[in-house]
Amino acid sequence: MTHHLDGNVLAGALSEIFTADVTTARGRCAGCGRTSPLAEAMVFTDAPGLVARCAGCDQVLATFVDAGDRVMVSLAGLSAVELRR
């Protein structure tokens, strides 16, 4: 039987990653495969939140919605994110 832990085990790894300036991270678009710094994404602010689109194919890479007491983040359009330590 394989032993597993709950998602709380990810706390250390996630806090290390998401304290960095993520705009310098390289993201790979799940649509066209283009890899570039997230700072090169086209970001639209005329929605209920921020919508980041691929500069190569216009696919949605990420969405960020600030709902006051919580933030909802989707990175569904990114097949990978590379961060330097």
N, C-alpha and C. Protein backbone atom coordinates (compact mmCIF):
# COMPACT_ATOMS: atom_id res chain seq x y z
N MET A 1 0.84 -1.18 0.00
CA MET A 1 0.00 0.00 0.00
C MET A 1 0.89 1.25 0.00
N THR A 2 0.55 2.22 -0.83
CA THR A 2 1.28 3.47 -0.90
C THR A 2 0.76 4.41 0.18
N HIS A 3 1.69 4.99 0.92
CA HIS A 3 1.33 5.93 1.98
C HIS A 3 1.33 7.35 1.41
N HIS A 4 0.36 8.13 1.78
CA HIS A 4 0.33 9.51 1.31
C HIS A 4 0.03 10.45 2.47
N LEU A 5 0.37 11.71 2.30
CA LEU A 5 0.09 12.76 3.27
C LEU A 5 -0.89 13.74 2.64
N ASP A 6 -1.47 14.62 3.43
CA ASP A 6 -2.37 15.62 2.85
C ASP A 6 -1.58 16.80 2.30
N GLY A 7 -2.29 17.70 1.65
CA GLY A 7 -1.67 18.83 0.97
C GLY A 7 -0.93 19.80 1.87
N ASN A 8 -1.11 19.71 3.18
CA ASN A 8 -0.38 20.59 4.09
C ASN A 8 1.12 20.39 4.00
N VAL A 9 1.55 19.23 3.53
CA VAL A 9 2.97 18.95 3.37
C VAL A 9 3.59 19.89 2.33
N LEU A 10 2.78 20.45 1.45
CA LEU A 10 3.27 21.35 0.41
C LEU A 10 3.56 22.76 0.91
N ALA A 11 3.18 23.08 2.14
CA ALA A 11 3.29 24.45 2.65
C ALA A 11 4.70 25.03 2.49
N GLY A 12 5.71 24.29 2.89
CA GLY A 12 7.08 24.79 2.79
C GLY A 12 7.50 25.04 1.36
N ALA A 13 7.25 24.08 0.48
CA ALA A 13 7.64 24.21 -0.92
C ALA A 13 6.91 25.36 -1.59
N LEU A 14 5.62 25.48 -1.34
CA LEU A 14 4.85 26.56 -1.96
C LEU A 14 5.25 27.93 -1.44
N SER A 15 5.53 28.04 -0.15
CA SER A 15 5.91 29.35 0.39
C SER A 15 7.27 29.78 -0.14
N GLU A 16 8.13 28.82 -0.42
CA GLU A 16 9.43 29.14 -1.02
C GLU A 16 9.26 29.66 -2.44
N ILE A 17 8.39 29.05 -3.19
CA ILE A 17 8.20 29.41 -4.60
C ILE A 17 7.47 30.73 -4.75
N PHE A 18 6.38 30.91 -4.05
CA PHE A 18 5.53 32.07 -4.29
C PHE A 18 5.93 33.32 -3.53
N THR A 19 7.11 33.34 -2.92
CA THR A 19 7.62 34.59 -2.34
C THR A 19 8.54 35.29 -3.32
N ALA A 20 8.91 34.62 -4.37
CA ALA A 20 9.80 35.19 -5.38
C ALA A 20 9.02 36.11 -6.31
N ASP A 21 9.75 36.92 -7.08
CA ASP A 21 9.11 37.75 -8.10
C ASP A 21 8.75 36.83 -9.26
N VAL A 22 7.52 36.41 -9.31
CA VAL A 22 7.09 35.41 -10.28
C VAL A 22 7.05 35.97 -11.70
N THR A 23 7.07 37.29 -11.88
CA THR A 23 7.07 37.84 -13.23
C THR A 23 8.35 37.47 -13.98
N THR A 24 9.41 37.12 -13.26
CA THR A 24 10.65 36.71 -13.91
C THR A 24 10.64 35.21 -14.23
N ALA A 25 9.66 34.48 -13.72
CA ALA A 25 9.55 33.05 -14.01
C ALA A 25 9.22 32.85 -15.48
N ARG A 26 9.67 31.75 -16.02
CA ARG A 26 9.35 31.40 -17.40
C ARG A 26 8.17 30.45 -17.39
N GLY A 27 7.16 30.78 -18.17
CA GLY A 27 5.98 29.95 -18.26
C GLY A 27 5.83 29.37 -19.65
N ARG A 28 5.31 28.14 -19.73
CA ARG A 28 5.08 27.51 -21.03
C ARG A 28 3.58 27.46 -21.29
N CYS A 29 3.16 28.08 -22.38
CA CYS A 29 1.76 28.12 -22.76
C CYS A 29 1.28 26.71 -23.11
N ALA A 30 0.17 26.31 -22.52
CA ALA A 30 -0.40 24.99 -22.80
C ALA A 30 -0.99 24.93 -24.20
N GLY A 31 -1.25 26.08 -24.81
CA GLY A 31 -1.84 26.11 -26.15
C GLY A 31 -0.82 25.97 -27.25
N CYS A 32 0.17 26.87 -27.29
CA CYS A 32 1.13 26.88 -28.39
C CYS A 32 2.52 26.40 -28.00
N GLY A 33 2.78 26.23 -26.72
CA GLY A 33 4.08 25.75 -26.28
C GLY A 33 5.13 26.83 -26.13
N ARG A 34 4.77 28.08 -26.39
CA ARG A 34 5.73 29.19 -26.27
C ARG A 34 6.18 29.30 -24.83
N THR A 35 7.48 29.43 -24.61
CA THR A 35 8.05 29.61 -23.28
C THR A 35 8.67 30.99 -23.21
N SER A 36 8.24 31.79 -22.22
CA SER A 36 8.76 33.14 -22.08
C SER A 36 8.52 33.60 -20.64
N PRO A 37 9.21 34.68 -20.23
CA PRO A 37 8.95 35.21 -18.89
C PRO A 37 7.48 35.64 -18.77
N LEU A 38 6.91 35.43 -17.60
CA LEU A 38 5.51 35.82 -17.39
C LEU A 38 5.32 37.32 -17.57
N ALA A 39 6.38 38.09 -17.40
CA ALA A 39 6.29 39.54 -17.60
C ALA A 39 5.96 39.90 -19.05
N GLU A 40 6.16 38.96 -19.98
CA GLU A 40 5.85 39.23 -21.39
C GLU A 40 4.40 38.91 -21.74
N ALA A 41 3.64 38.37 -20.81
CA ALA A 41 2.23 38.06 -21.08
C ALA A 41 1.45 39.35 -21.29
N MET A 42 0.37 39.25 -22.03
CA MET A 42 -0.55 40.38 -22.20
C MET A 42 -1.57 40.29 -21.08
N VAL A 43 -1.65 41.32 -20.25
CA VAL A 43 -2.54 41.28 -19.09
C VAL A 43 -3.68 42.27 -19.29
N PHE A 44 -4.90 41.76 -19.16
CA PHE A 44 -6.09 42.58 -19.32
C PHE A 44 -6.72 42.80 -17.95
N THR A 45 -7.09 44.05 -17.69
CA THR A 45 -7.63 44.41 -16.38
C THR A 45 -9.11 44.78 -16.43
N ASP A 46 -9.74 44.67 -17.61
CA ASP A 46 -11.14 45.07 -17.75
C ASP A 46 -12.10 43.92 -17.48
N ALA A 47 -11.69 43.00 -16.63
CA ALA A 47 -12.53 41.87 -16.20
C ALA A 47 -12.68 41.98 -14.69
N PRO A 48 -13.39 41.08 -14.06
CA PRO A 48 -13.50 41.13 -12.60
C PRO A 48 -12.16 40.94 -11.88
N GLY A 49 -11.12 40.57 -12.61
CA GLY A 49 -9.78 40.41 -12.05
C GLY A 49 -8.76 40.66 -13.14
N LEU A 50 -7.61 40.02 -13.03
CA LEU A 50 -6.56 40.13 -14.03
C LEU A 50 -6.58 38.88 -14.89
N VAL A 51 -6.43 39.05 -16.19
CA VAL A 51 -6.38 37.92 -17.12
C VAL A 51 -5.08 38.04 -17.90
N ALA A 52 -4.21 37.05 -17.76
CA ALA A 52 -2.93 37.03 -18.47
C ALA A 52 -3.07 36.10 -19.68
N ARG A 53 -2.74 36.64 -20.86
CA ARG A 53 -2.84 35.86 -22.10
C ARG A 53 -1.46 35.72 -22.75
N CYS A 54 -1.28 34.63 -23.45
CA CYS A 54 -0.04 34.35 -24.17
C CYS A 54 0.17 35.40 -25.26
N ALA A 55 1.36 35.96 -25.34
CA ALA A 55 1.68 36.94 -26.37
C ALA A 55 1.82 36.28 -27.74
N GLY A 56 1.96 34.94 -27.76
CA GLY A 56 2.10 34.23 -29.02
C GLY A 56 0.80 33.80 -29.65
N CYS A 57 -0.14 33.30 -28.81
CA CYS A 57 -1.38 32.75 -29.39
C CYS A 57 -2.66 33.29 -28.75
N ASP A 58 -2.54 34.15 -27.75
CA ASP A 58 -3.68 34.79 -27.10
C ASP A 58 -4.45 33.87 -26.15
N GLN A 59 -3.96 32.66 -25.89
CA GLN A 59 -4.65 31.77 -24.94
C GLN A 59 -4.54 32.34 -23.53
N VAL A 60 -5.57 32.14 -22.72
CA VAL A 60 -5.52 32.55 -21.32
C VAL A 60 -4.51 31.68 -20.59
N LEU A 61 -3.51 32.31 -19.98
CA LEU A 61 -2.50 31.61 -19.20
C LEU A 61 -2.91 31.52 -17.73
N ALA A 62 -3.38 32.65 -17.21
CA ALA A 62 -3.68 32.71 -15.77
C ALA A 62 -4.74 33.76 -15.51
N THR A 63 -5.50 33.55 -14.45
CA THR A 63 -6.46 34.55 -13.98
C THR A 63 -6.27 34.75 -12.48
N PHE A 64 -6.48 35.98 -12.04
CA PHE A 64 -6.35 36.35 -10.64
C PHE A 64 -7.55 37.21 -10.26
N VAL A 65 -8.31 36.76 -9.29
CA VAL A 65 -9.48 37.51 -8.85
C VAL A 65 -9.35 37.79 -7.36
N ASP A 66 -9.33 39.07 -7.00
CA ASP A 66 -9.26 39.49 -5.60
C ASP A 66 -10.68 39.63 -5.10
N ALA A 67 -11.06 38.75 -4.17
CA ALA A 67 -12.42 38.76 -3.62
C ALA A 67 -12.42 39.28 -2.19
N GLY A 68 -11.51 40.17 -1.88
CA GLY A 68 -11.47 40.76 -0.55
C GLY A 68 -10.75 39.89 0.46
N ASP A 69 -11.46 38.95 1.04
CA ASP A 69 -10.86 38.10 2.07
C ASP A 69 -10.16 36.87 1.49
N ARG A 70 -10.17 36.73 0.17
CA ARG A 70 -9.49 35.61 -0.48
C ARG A 70 -9.10 36.01 -1.90
N VAL A 71 -8.17 35.25 -2.46
CA VAL A 71 -7.73 35.47 -3.83
C VAL A 71 -7.88 34.15 -4.56
N MET A 72 -8.47 34.20 -5.74
CA MET A 72 -8.63 33.00 -6.55
C MET A 72 -7.66 33.09 -7.72
N VAL A 73 -6.85 32.05 -7.89
CA VAL A 73 -5.82 32.02 -8.91
C VAL A 73 -6.01 30.77 -9.76
N SER A 74 -5.95 30.94 -11.07
CA SER A 74 -5.96 29.81 -11.99
C SER A 74 -4.74 29.93 -12.89
N LEU A 75 -3.96 28.88 -12.96
CA LEU A 75 -2.81 28.82 -13.86
C LEU A 75 -3.04 27.75 -14.92
N ALA A 76 -4.30 27.52 -15.24
CA ALA A 76 -4.71 26.41 -16.11
C ALA A 76 -4.09 26.48 -17.50
N GLY A 77 -3.77 27.66 -17.99
CA GLY A 77 -3.21 27.79 -19.33
C GLY A 77 -1.71 27.62 -19.40
N LEU A 78 -1.09 27.35 -18.26
CA LEU A 78 0.35 27.14 -18.22
C LEU A 78 0.63 25.66 -18.01
N SER A 79 1.39 25.06 -18.91
CA SER A 79 1.73 23.65 -18.73
C SER A 79 2.95 23.49 -17.84
N ALA A 80 3.71 24.58 -17.63
CA ALA A 80 4.86 24.54 -16.72
C ALA A 80 5.24 25.96 -16.34
N VAL A 81 5.81 26.10 -15.15
CA VAL A 81 6.36 27.37 -14.69
C VAL A 81 7.74 27.06 -14.13
N GLU A 82 8.76 27.78 -14.62
CA GLU A 82 10.13 27.58 -14.17
C GLU A 82 10.57 28.78 -13.37
N LEU A 83 10.95 28.57 -12.12
CA LEU A 83 11.43 29.63 -11.24
C LEU A 83 12.90 29.37 -10.90
N ARG A 84 13.68 30.42 -10.91
CA ARG A 84 15.09 30.31 -10.48
C ARG A 84 15.15 30.54 -8.97
N ARG A 85 16.03 29.81 -8.33
CA ARG A 85 16.22 29.98 -6.88
C ARG A 85 17.19 31.09 -6.60
